[in-house]
Amino acid sequence: MVALCDTVESRVKPLAERLQVKYFLDYNKLLEEPDVQAVVLAVPTPLHFDLSMKAILKGKHVLCEMPLAPKVEQMKKLESASEKAKVVLMPDLNFRFALYTTSVKILLVLELSEDPLPFIIVNLFLQPA
């Protein structure tokens, strides 16, 4: 990871400092950064198409939460643009409230805290052999 981007500085700055990466408040400026080869878009759905297309047109690979766009024709435009730019456009079906996802979030919070606590994740989805 080389940079973070958010529109709220009080939210992004502390995390960027902790991770020792650059941060941007302007997505367009982030896309101008030569060290940025790919973007992960975890934004509200109405922003997926525009932000993905901007990144593709700047030659950046894109990992975007689903749906990639609200309309099929927009998805086809993204596909065509990514093929033309020779970049990867990858949809992500993020199960943000699934047990394994929330467990990883807990791990990250504990890892980033000053006094991490040990804990165990129980996988409730394991089935007996």
N, C-alpha and C. Protein backbone atom coordinates (compact mmCIF):
# COMPACT_ATOMS: atom_id res chain seq x y z
N MET A 1 0.85 -1.16 0.00
CA MET A 1 0.00 0.00 0.00
C MET A 1 0.90 1.23 0.00
N VAL A 2 0.61 2.15 -0.89
CA VAL A 2 1.41 3.37 -0.97
C VAL A 2 0.64 4.62 -0.58
N ALA A 3 -0.70 4.55 -0.57
CA ALA A 3 -1.47 5.75 -0.25
C ALA A 3 -2.90 5.40 0.14
N LEU A 4 -3.52 6.33 0.85
CA LEU A 4 -4.94 6.25 1.19
C LEU A 4 -5.62 7.50 0.67
N CYS A 5 -6.92 7.40 0.44
CA CYS A 5 -7.67 8.56 -0.02
C CYS A 5 -9.02 8.60 0.68
N ASP A 6 -9.38 9.77 1.15
CA ASP A 6 -10.67 9.99 1.78
C ASP A 6 -10.98 11.47 1.67
N THR A 7 -12.23 11.83 1.76
CA THR A 7 -12.59 13.24 1.69
C THR A 7 -12.53 13.91 3.06
N VAL A 8 -12.35 13.11 4.11
CA VAL A 8 -12.32 13.64 5.47
C VAL A 8 -10.92 13.45 6.05
N GLU A 9 -10.21 14.56 6.19
CA GLU A 9 -8.81 14.47 6.64
C GLU A 9 -8.69 13.90 8.04
N SER A 10 -9.60 14.24 8.93
CA SER A 10 -9.50 13.74 10.31
C SER A 10 -9.66 12.21 10.37
N ARG A 11 -10.23 11.63 9.34
CA ARG A 11 -10.40 10.17 9.29
C ARG A 11 -9.20 9.51 8.64
N VAL A 12 -8.64 10.11 7.60
CA VAL A 12 -7.58 9.44 6.84
C VAL A 12 -6.17 9.74 7.37
N LYS A 13 -5.95 10.92 7.87
CA LYS A 13 -4.60 11.30 8.29
C LYS A 13 -4.03 10.41 9.39
N PRO A 14 -4.77 10.15 10.49
CA PRO A 14 -4.21 9.29 11.54
C PRO A 14 -3.87 7.88 11.04
N LEU A 15 -4.70 7.33 10.19
CA LEU A 15 -4.45 6.00 9.66
C LEU A 15 -3.24 6.01 8.73
N ALA A 16 -3.14 7.01 7.88
CA ALA A 16 -1.99 7.13 6.98
C ALA A 16 -0.70 7.27 7.77
N GLU A 17 -0.74 8.04 8.84
CA GLU A 17 0.45 8.19 9.68
C GLU A 17 0.82 6.87 10.35
N ARG A 18 -0.18 6.16 10.83
CA ARG A 18 0.07 4.88 11.49
C ARG A 18 0.65 3.86 10.51
N LEU A 19 0.15 3.87 9.28
CA LEU A 19 0.62 2.92 8.26
C LEU A 19 1.84 3.45 7.49
N GLN A 20 2.21 4.70 7.77
CA GLN A 20 3.36 5.34 7.13
C GLN A 20 3.23 5.37 5.61
N VAL A 21 2.08 5.87 5.16
CA VAL A 21 1.82 6.03 3.73
C VAL A 21 1.32 7.46 3.47
N LYS A 22 1.36 7.87 2.24
CA LYS A 22 0.82 9.17 1.85
C LYS A 22 -0.70 9.11 1.94
N TYR A 23 -1.31 10.29 2.01
CA TYR A 23 -2.77 10.32 1.93
C TYR A 23 -3.20 11.48 1.04
N PHE A 24 -4.36 11.31 0.46
CA PHE A 24 -4.93 12.29 -0.46
C PHE A 24 -6.36 12.58 -0.05
N LEU A 25 -6.76 13.83 -0.24
CA LEU A 25 -8.15 14.22 -0.03
C LEU A 25 -8.87 14.37 -1.36
N ASP A 26 -8.10 14.27 -2.44
CA ASP A 26 -8.62 14.43 -3.80
C ASP A 26 -8.28 13.18 -4.60
N TYR A 27 -9.29 12.44 -5.01
CA TYR A 27 -9.09 11.19 -5.75
C TYR A 27 -8.34 11.42 -7.05
N ASN A 28 -8.61 12.53 -7.73
CA ASN A 28 -7.93 12.82 -8.99
C ASN A 28 -6.43 12.99 -8.79
N LYS A 29 -6.05 13.59 -7.67
CA LYS A 29 -4.62 13.76 -7.36
C LYS A 29 -3.98 12.41 -7.04
N LEU A 30 -4.73 11.56 -6.36
CA LEU A 30 -4.24 10.21 -6.08
C LEU A 30 -3.92 9.49 -7.39
N LEU A 31 -4.80 9.62 -8.37
CA LEU A 31 -4.60 8.93 -9.65
C LEU A 31 -3.40 9.47 -10.42
N GLU A 32 -2.95 10.66 -10.10
CA GLU A 32 -1.76 11.22 -10.75
C GLU A 32 -0.48 10.69 -10.13
N GLU A 33 -0.59 10.08 -8.97
CA GLU A 33 0.58 9.57 -8.25
C GLU A 33 1.19 8.39 -9.01
N PRO A 34 2.46 8.50 -9.44
CA PRO A 34 3.06 7.42 -10.24
C PRO A 34 3.25 6.11 -9.47
N ASP A 35 3.37 6.18 -8.14
CA ASP A 35 3.55 4.95 -7.36
C ASP A 35 2.27 4.14 -7.23
N VAL A 36 1.14 4.76 -7.49
CA VAL A 36 -0.15 4.07 -7.38
C VAL A 36 -0.39 3.28 -8.66
N GLN A 37 -0.37 1.95 -8.55
CA GLN A 37 -0.59 1.09 -9.70
C GLN A 37 -2.01 0.55 -9.75
N ALA A 38 -2.67 0.56 -8.59
CA ALA A 38 -4.03 0.00 -8.51
C ALA A 38 -4.79 0.72 -7.42
N VAL A 39 -6.11 0.70 -7.53
CA VAL A 39 -6.96 1.29 -6.50
C VAL A 39 -7.97 0.25 -6.02
N VAL A 40 -8.32 0.35 -4.76
CA VAL A 40 -9.38 -0.46 -4.18
C VAL A 40 -10.50 0.52 -3.85
N LEU A 41 -11.63 0.34 -4.48
CA LEU A 41 -12.75 1.26 -4.30
C LEU A 41 -13.78 0.65 -3.35
N ALA A 42 -13.81 1.20 -2.15
CA ALA A 42 -14.81 0.81 -1.15
C ALA A 42 -15.61 2.07 -0.86
N VAL A 43 -16.48 2.40 -1.78
CA VAL A 43 -17.25 3.64 -1.74
C VAL A 43 -18.72 3.32 -1.98
N PRO A 44 -19.61 4.28 -1.75
CA PRO A 44 -21.02 4.02 -2.05
C PRO A 44 -21.23 3.63 -3.52
N THR A 45 -22.16 2.74 -3.75
CA THR A 45 -22.43 2.20 -5.08
C THR A 45 -22.60 3.25 -6.17
N PRO A 46 -23.29 4.38 -5.93
CA PRO A 46 -23.43 5.35 -7.01
C PRO A 46 -22.11 5.93 -7.53
N LEU A 47 -21.03 5.76 -6.78
CA LEU A 47 -19.72 6.28 -7.19
C LEU A 47 -18.87 5.25 -7.95
N HIS A 48 -19.28 4.00 -7.95
CA HIS A 48 -18.45 2.94 -8.54
C HIS A 48 -18.06 3.20 -9.99
N PHE A 49 -19.04 3.51 -10.83
CA PHE A 49 -18.74 3.65 -12.25
C PHE A 49 -17.76 4.80 -12.50
N ASP A 50 -18.06 5.97 -12.00
CA ASP A 50 -17.21 7.14 -12.28
C ASP A 50 -15.80 6.97 -11.74
N LEU A 51 -15.67 6.50 -10.51
CA LEU A 51 -14.33 6.35 -9.92
C LEU A 51 -13.54 5.24 -10.60
N SER A 52 -14.22 4.16 -10.95
CA SER A 52 -13.54 3.07 -11.68
C SER A 52 -13.06 3.55 -13.04
N MET A 53 -13.92 4.24 -13.76
CA MET A 53 -13.56 4.71 -15.09
C MET A 53 -12.39 5.70 -15.03
N LYS A 54 -12.40 6.60 -14.08
CA LYS A 54 -11.28 7.54 -13.94
C LYS A 54 -9.97 6.80 -13.73
N ALA A 55 -9.99 5.79 -12.88
CA ALA A 55 -8.77 5.03 -12.61
C ALA A 55 -8.32 4.26 -13.86
N ILE A 56 -9.24 3.64 -14.53
CA ILE A 56 -8.91 2.88 -15.75
C ILE A 56 -8.28 3.80 -16.79
N LEU A 57 -8.88 4.97 -16.97
CA LEU A 57 -8.36 5.91 -17.98
C LEU A 57 -6.98 6.45 -17.61
N LYS A 58 -6.62 6.34 -16.33
CA LYS A 58 -5.27 6.73 -15.89
C LYS A 58 -4.32 5.54 -15.87
N GLY A 59 -4.81 4.38 -16.35
CA GLY A 59 -3.95 3.21 -16.43
C GLY A 59 -3.76 2.47 -15.12
N LYS A 60 -4.70 2.60 -14.21
CA LYS A 60 -4.63 1.93 -12.90
C LYS A 60 -5.52 0.70 -12.89
N HIS A 61 -5.05 -0.37 -12.25
CA HIS A 61 -5.88 -1.55 -12.03
C HIS A 61 -6.94 -1.18 -10.99
N VAL A 62 -8.10 -1.85 -11.05
CA VAL A 62 -9.22 -1.49 -10.17
C VAL A 62 -9.82 -2.73 -9.52
N LEU A 63 -9.92 -2.69 -8.20
CA LEU A 63 -10.70 -3.66 -7.44
C LEU A 63 -11.86 -2.87 -6.85
N CYS A 64 -13.08 -3.20 -7.27
CA CYS A 64 -14.24 -2.41 -6.87
C CYS A 64 -15.31 -3.33 -6.31
N GLU A 65 -15.92 -2.88 -5.22
CA GLU A 65 -17.04 -3.63 -4.67
C GLU A 65 -18.16 -3.73 -5.71
N MET A 66 -18.96 -4.78 -5.59
CA MET A 66 -20.08 -4.97 -6.50
C MET A 66 -21.28 -4.16 -6.02
N PRO A 67 -22.09 -3.74 -6.93
CA PRO A 67 -21.97 -3.89 -8.38
C PRO A 67 -20.97 -2.87 -8.93
N LEU A 68 -20.32 -3.24 -10.03
CA LEU A 68 -19.36 -2.33 -10.64
C LEU A 68 -20.04 -1.05 -11.12
N ALA A 69 -21.27 -1.17 -11.54
CA ALA A 69 -22.03 -0.01 -12.02
C ALA A 69 -23.52 -0.36 -11.90
N PRO A 70 -24.37 0.66 -11.82
CA PRO A 70 -25.80 0.38 -11.68
C PRO A 70 -26.47 -0.09 -12.96
N LYS A 71 -25.85 0.13 -14.12
CA LYS A 71 -26.46 -0.25 -15.39
C LYS A 71 -25.53 -1.16 -16.18
N VAL A 72 -26.11 -2.12 -16.88
CA VAL A 72 -25.33 -3.07 -17.68
C VAL A 72 -24.48 -2.34 -18.71
N GLU A 73 -25.03 -1.32 -19.35
CA GLU A 73 -24.27 -0.59 -20.37
C GLU A 73 -23.02 0.06 -19.77
N GLN A 74 -23.10 0.51 -18.52
CA GLN A 74 -21.94 1.09 -17.86
C GLN A 74 -20.90 0.01 -17.56
N MET A 75 -21.37 -1.16 -17.17
CA MET A 75 -20.44 -2.27 -16.92
C MET A 75 -19.70 -2.64 -18.19
N LYS A 76 -20.41 -2.65 -19.31
CA LYS A 76 -19.77 -2.95 -20.60
C LYS A 76 -18.74 -1.88 -20.96
N LYS A 77 -19.02 -0.62 -20.64
CA LYS A 77 -18.07 0.46 -20.89
C LYS A 77 -16.80 0.27 -20.04
N LEU A 78 -17.00 -0.13 -18.79
CA LEU A 78 -15.85 -0.38 -17.93
C LEU A 78 -15.00 -1.54 -18.46
N GLU A 79 -15.69 -2.58 -18.89
CA GLU A 79 -14.98 -3.75 -19.43
C GLU A 79 -14.19 -3.36 -20.67
N SER A 80 -14.81 -2.64 -21.57
CA SER A 80 -14.15 -2.21 -22.80
C SER A 80 -12.96 -1.30 -22.51
N ALA A 81 -13.16 -0.35 -21.61
CA ALA A 81 -12.08 0.58 -21.27
C ALA A 81 -10.91 -0.13 -20.61
N SER A 82 -11.20 -1.10 -19.73
CA SER A 82 -10.12 -1.81 -19.06
C SER A 82 -9.33 -2.68 -20.04
N GLU A 83 -10.02 -3.28 -21.00
CA GLU A 83 -9.33 -4.07 -22.02
C GLU A 83 -8.44 -3.16 -22.88
N LYS A 84 -8.96 -2.01 -23.26
CA LYS A 84 -8.20 -1.06 -24.08
C LYS A 84 -6.97 -0.54 -23.32
N ALA A 85 -7.14 -0.27 -22.02
CA ALA A 85 -6.04 0.25 -21.21
C ALA A 85 -5.10 -0.85 -20.72
N LYS A 86 -5.50 -2.12 -20.94
CA LYS A 86 -4.72 -3.28 -20.50
C LYS A 86 -4.51 -3.27 -18.98
N VAL A 87 -5.60 -3.00 -18.27
CA VAL A 87 -5.57 -3.05 -16.81
C VAL A 87 -6.61 -4.05 -16.33
N VAL A 88 -6.44 -4.51 -15.12
CA VAL A 88 -7.37 -5.46 -14.52
C VAL A 88 -8.52 -4.70 -13.85
N LEU A 89 -9.73 -5.11 -14.17
CA LEU A 89 -10.93 -4.61 -13.51
C LEU A 89 -11.53 -5.81 -12.77
N MET A 90 -11.49 -5.76 -11.46
CA MET A 90 -11.92 -6.92 -10.68
C MET A 90 -13.05 -6.54 -9.73
N PRO A 91 -14.22 -7.15 -9.88
CA PRO A 91 -15.30 -6.91 -8.93
C PRO A 91 -15.04 -7.68 -7.64
N ASP A 92 -15.53 -7.14 -6.56
CA ASP A 92 -15.33 -7.76 -5.25
C ASP A 92 -16.69 -7.86 -4.57
N LEU A 93 -17.07 -9.05 -4.24
CA LEU A 93 -18.30 -9.26 -3.49
C LEU A 93 -17.89 -9.35 -2.02
N ASN A 94 -17.93 -8.23 -1.36
CA ASN A 94 -17.43 -8.12 -0.01
C ASN A 94 -18.53 -8.47 0.98
N PHE A 95 -18.28 -9.49 1.73
CA PHE A 95 -19.23 -9.90 2.76
C PHE A 95 -18.81 -9.22 4.06
N ARG A 96 -19.00 -7.89 4.09
CA ARG A 96 -18.44 -7.11 5.19
C ARG A 96 -19.00 -7.46 6.55
N PHE A 97 -20.15 -8.11 6.61
CA PHE A 97 -20.72 -8.46 7.91
C PHE A 97 -20.62 -9.96 8.19
N ALA A 98 -19.95 -10.70 7.32
CA ALA A 98 -19.76 -12.13 7.56
C ALA A 98 -18.77 -12.32 8.71
N LEU A 99 -18.86 -13.45 9.37
CA LEU A 99 -18.01 -13.71 10.54
C LEU A 99 -16.53 -13.54 10.23
N TYR A 100 -16.08 -14.12 9.12
CA TYR A 100 -14.65 -14.05 8.83
C TYR A 100 -14.20 -12.62 8.55
N THR A 101 -15.06 -11.81 7.97
CA THR A 101 -14.70 -10.43 7.68
C THR A 101 -14.66 -9.61 8.96
N THR A 102 -15.65 -9.76 9.79
CA THR A 102 -15.65 -9.00 11.04
C THR A 102 -14.51 -9.46 11.94
N SER A 103 -14.14 -10.72 11.86
CA SER A 103 -13.01 -11.22 12.65
C SER A 103 -11.71 -10.58 12.20
N VAL A 104 -11.53 -10.43 10.91
CA VAL A 104 -10.33 -9.78 10.39
C VAL A 104 -10.30 -8.32 10.85
N LYS A 105 -11.44 -7.68 10.83
CA LYS A 105 -11.51 -6.29 11.30
C LYS A 105 -11.08 -6.21 12.77
N ILE A 106 -11.54 -7.14 13.57
CA ILE A 106 -11.14 -7.16 14.98
C ILE A 106 -9.63 -7.34 15.09
N LEU A 107 -9.08 -8.25 14.29
CA LEU A 107 -7.63 -8.46 14.30
C LEU A 107 -6.89 -7.18 13.95
N LEU A 108 -7.35 -6.48 12.94
CA LEU A 108 -6.70 -5.24 12.54
C LEU A 108 -6.78 -4.18 13.64
N VAL A 109 -7.94 -4.06 14.25
CA VAL A 109 -8.09 -3.08 15.32
C VAL A 109 -7.15 -3.41 16.47
N LEU A 110 -7.08 -4.67 16.84
CA LEU A 110 -6.19 -5.08 17.93
C LEU A 110 -4.73 -4.87 17.56
N GLU A 111 -4.39 -5.17 16.33
CA GLU A 111 -3.01 -5.01 15.86
C GLU A 111 -2.62 -3.53 15.87
N LEU A 112 -3.55 -2.66 15.52
CA LEU A 112 -3.25 -1.23 15.44
C LEU A 112 -3.36 -0.53 16.79
N SER A 113 -3.95 -1.22 17.78
CA SER A 113 -4.06 -0.59 19.10
C SER A 113 -2.72 -0.66 19.80
N GLU A 114 -2.54 0.18 20.80
CA GLU A 114 -1.28 0.22 21.52
C GLU A 114 -1.10 -0.99 22.43
N ASP A 115 -2.19 -1.58 22.88
CA ASP A 115 -2.12 -2.70 23.80
C ASP A 115 -2.96 -3.85 23.28
N PRO A 116 -2.44 -4.61 22.28
CA PRO A 116 -3.24 -5.68 21.68
C PRO A 116 -3.61 -6.77 22.70
N LEU A 117 -4.80 -7.32 22.53
CA LEU A 117 -5.27 -8.38 23.40
C LEU A 117 -5.37 -9.68 22.61
N PRO A 118 -4.99 -10.81 23.22
CA PRO A 118 -5.14 -12.09 22.50
C PRO A 118 -6.61 -12.51 22.46
N PHE A 119 -7.00 -13.14 21.39
CA PHE A 119 -8.35 -13.68 21.31
C PHE A 119 -8.38 -14.80 20.27
N ILE A 120 -9.47 -15.55 20.26
CA ILE A 120 -9.62 -16.69 19.37
C ILE A 120 -10.86 -16.45 18.50
N ILE A 121 -10.72 -16.75 17.20
CA ILE A 121 -11.86 -16.68 16.29
C ILE A 121 -12.42 -18.09 16.16
N VAL A 122 -13.69 -18.23 16.41
CA VAL A 122 -14.35 -19.53 16.28
C VAL A 122 -15.09 -19.52 14.94
N ASN A 123 -14.78 -20.47 14.09
CA ASN A 123 -15.44 -20.55 12.80
C ASN A 123 -16.72 -21.37 12.96
N LEU A 124 -17.85 -20.68 12.92
CA LEU A 124 -19.13 -21.34 13.10
C LEU A 124 -19.60 -22.08 11.84
N PHE A 125 -18.85 -21.93 10.76
CA PHE A 125 -19.28 -22.52 9.50
C PHE A 125 -18.60 -23.86 9.21
N LEU A 126 -17.73 -24.30 10.09
CA LEU A 126 -17.10 -25.61 9.90
C LEU A 126 -18.14 -26.70 10.09
N GLN A 127 -18.10 -27.66 9.22
CA GLN A 127 -19.03 -28.77 9.33
C GLN A 127 -18.24 -30.02 9.72
N PRO A 128 -18.82 -30.86 10.55
CA PRO A 128 -18.10 -32.09 10.94
C PRO A 128 -17.85 -33.00 9.75
N ALA A 129 -16.73 -33.69 9.77
CA ALA A 129 -16.36 -34.58 8.67
C ALA A 129 -17.24 -35.78 8.62
